[in-house]
Every structure is written in structure tokens, then in C-alpha cells.
């Protein structure tokens, strides 16, 4: 069965990676549904119809949250960074930068990617190079 959810040949991916990809696709679908409901609710004049859509929207929030939690459990580094951003006071971008900088050992999961002796990935060195 053909699919466009994989960027690598599915038969070369582990079952764990395929499950992770399916959950990422589901998360994206839930986010899209949330956006659709928000738009519909904002223009719906019928009170009963709007109430039904609000109830459906809550279901989408629940599904999004459950899928996100599954993904966080599958990828502890992602969860660690998210903890530094989600439900925090202050500047969201600054919190994100601090969370990313302080997370993990600087190594990508499963040994992918490279880092310098400090554990940094070296991405900051690309800043200002027009890449």
C-alpha cells in the first residue's frame, strides 16, 4: 500500500520508527482538525451547532495531547526540551533556546549526528553565513 508518510523506504525502517512516524502523522492531523474547528466555531451562528463543534474540539485537544505524550515518552530528549518550554512563564523563544541548550549530551538519538568536544552540534557557527 503506497504512502507518503515515510521519507525513507518503509521496509528499511524498524517497527518502532514506523510507529513513531504514524504517531507524528496523527499529531499533525489532530493539529489540522483543531485549526478547522477553531475556524468553524468562529463563524458558526447557530448556538447548538457551535456547542457540538466545541465538544468535538475538546476531543481533538485530548487526542493531540495523548499523541504528544506518546511521542515524548518515545523520545526522552524531546520531552526534556519540551519541559523547558511548555507551561513556563517568560519569553517562549528564550525558554526554548535555554531548554535546547541545556538538554541531553548534545548527541542525536541512536548515535546520529555529530558534535564537537563541547557537545554542541555546531549549528550556531552557521549563523550569519546566509545558509
Protein backbone atom coordinates (compact mmCIF):
# COMPACT_ATOMS: atom_id res chain seq x y z
CA UNK A 1 0.00 0.00 0.00
CA UNK A 2 1.67 3.25 -1.08
CA UNK A 3 2.07 6.04 1.43
CA UNK A 4 3.73 9.42 1.53
CA UNK A 5 4.24 9.45 5.29
CA UNK A 6 7.72 7.95 5.04
CA UNK A 7 10.77 9.69 3.63
CA UNK A 8 12.80 6.50 3.64
CA UNK A 9 11.79 3.07 2.27
CA UNK A 10 9.31 1.69 4.85
CA UNK A 11 10.77 -1.81 4.60
CA UNK A 12 14.10 -0.43 5.79
CA UNK A 13 12.57 1.22 8.87
CA UNK A 14 12.16 -0.54 12.19
CA UNK A 15 8.70 -1.19 13.56
CA UNK A 16 9.45 1.38 16.28
CA UNK A 17 10.30 4.04 13.69
CA UNK A 18 7.19 3.28 11.66
CA UNK A 19 5.02 3.58 14.78
CA UNK A 20 6.73 6.86 15.62
CA UNK A 21 6.05 8.15 12.09
CA UNK A 22 2.39 7.14 12.34
CA UNK A 23 2.03 8.98 15.63
CA UNK A 24 3.70 12.07 14.14
CA UNK A 25 1.24 11.93 11.24
CA UNK A 26 -1.66 11.54 13.69
CA UNK A 27 -0.42 14.51 15.72
CA UNK A 28 -0.30 16.65 12.56
CA UNK A 29 -3.82 15.55 11.63
CA UNK A 30 -5.13 16.45 15.09
CA UNK A 31 -3.48 19.89 14.86
CA UNK A 32 -5.10 20.41 11.48
CA UNK A 33 -8.51 19.36 12.84
CA UNK A 34 -8.10 21.78 15.76
CA UNK A 35 -7.47 24.59 13.29
CA UNK A 36 -10.53 23.64 11.25
CA UNK A 37 -12.78 23.55 14.32
CA UNK A 38 -11.47 26.91 15.52
CA UNK A 39 -12.36 28.44 12.16
CA UNK A 40 -15.80 26.84 12.01
CA UNK A 41 -16.65 27.82 15.57
CA UNK A 42 -15.58 31.42 14.96
CA UNK A 43 -18.15 31.84 12.18
CA UNK A 44 -20.97 29.48 13.23
CA UNK A 45 -24.10 31.48 14.13
CA UNK A 46 -26.16 28.51 15.39
CA UNK A 47 -25.69 28.05 19.14
CA UNK A 48 -26.42 24.31 19.17
CA UNK A 49 -24.15 23.63 16.21
CA UNK A 50 -21.38 25.68 17.83
CA UNK A 51 -21.80 23.73 21.11
CA UNK A 52 -21.42 20.42 19.24
CA UNK A 53 -18.31 21.70 17.48
CA UNK A 54 -16.84 22.87 20.81
CA UNK A 55 -17.39 19.38 22.20
CA UNK A 56 -15.63 17.90 19.17
CA UNK A 57 -12.79 20.40 19.58
CA UNK A 58 -12.21 19.17 23.14
CA UNK A 59 -11.87 15.64 21.76
CA UNK A 60 -9.23 16.87 19.30
CA UNK A 61 -7.34 18.56 22.16
CA UNK A 62 -7.41 15.27 24.07
CA UNK A 63 -6.19 13.24 21.09
CA UNK A 64 -3.44 15.76 20.32
CA UNK A 65 -2.29 15.68 23.94
CA UNK A 66 -2.27 11.87 24.13
CA UNK A 67 -0.31 11.56 20.90
CA UNK A 68 2.17 14.20 22.02
CA UNK A 69 2.67 12.36 25.32
CA UNK A 70 3.30 9.12 23.43
CA UNK A 71 5.93 10.84 21.31
CA UNK A 72 7.56 12.43 24.37
CA UNK A 73 7.80 9.02 26.03
CA UNK A 74 9.36 7.59 22.88
CA UNK A 75 11.92 10.39 22.65
CA UNK A 76 13.13 11.49 26.10
CA UNK A 77 15.32 14.27 24.66
CA UNK A 78 12.24 15.80 23.02
CA UNK A 79 10.39 15.56 26.33
CA UNK A 80 13.29 17.17 28.16
CA UNK A 81 13.33 20.13 25.79
CA UNK A 82 9.54 20.41 25.90
CA UNK A 83 9.61 20.59 29.71
CA UNK A 84 11.77 23.70 29.40
CA UNK A 85 9.25 25.37 27.10
CA UNK A 86 5.76 24.15 27.98
CA UNK A 87 3.85 25.75 30.84
CA UNK A 88 6.71 28.11 31.66
CA UNK A 89 6.39 31.82 32.33
CA UNK A 90 8.53 34.29 30.45
CA UNK A 91 9.64 34.59 26.86
CA UNK A 92 8.75 31.49 24.86
CA UNK A 93 11.67 31.83 22.44
CA UNK A 94 14.18 32.41 25.24
CA UNK A 95 12.79 29.42 27.15
CA UNK A 96 13.13 27.32 24.00
CA UNK A 97 16.72 28.36 23.47
CA UNK A 98 17.65 27.65 27.07
CA UNK A 99 15.86 24.29 27.02
CA UNK A 100 17.59 23.22 23.84
CA UNK A 101 20.99 24.36 25.01
CA UNK A 102 20.71 22.55 28.32
CA UNK A 103 19.18 19.33 27.05
CA UNK A 104 20.95 16.00 26.82
CA UNK A 105 24.54 15.46 25.95
CA UNK A 106 24.44 17.15 22.55
CA UNK A 107 24.32 13.77 20.81
CA UNK A 108 21.50 12.91 18.47
CA UNK A 109 19.42 9.82 19.35
CA UNK A 110 20.82 6.46 18.22
CA UNK A 111 24.25 7.97 17.60
CA UNK A 112 23.13 10.00 14.57
CA UNK A 113 24.66 13.41 14.03
CA UNK A 114 27.91 14.77 15.31
CA UNK A 115 29.05 17.12 17.99
CA UNK A 116 32.25 18.93 18.87
CA UNK A 117 34.20 18.36 22.07
CA UNK A 118 31.83 20.63 23.99
CA UNK A 119 28.83 18.51 22.97
CA UNK A 120 27.42 21.31 20.79
CA UNK A 121 26.17 20.39 17.34
CA UNK A 122 27.91 23.40 15.80
CA UNK A 123 24.74 24.83 14.31
CA UNK A 124 25.38 28.22 15.89
CA UNK A 125 28.56 28.53 13.82
CA UNK A 126 26.39 28.70 10.70
CA UNK A 127 24.68 31.88 11.91
CA UNK A 128 25.19 34.81 9.58
CA UNK A 129 26.57 32.70 6.74
CA UNK A 130 23.46 33.13 4.57
CA UNK A 131 22.67 29.42 4.62
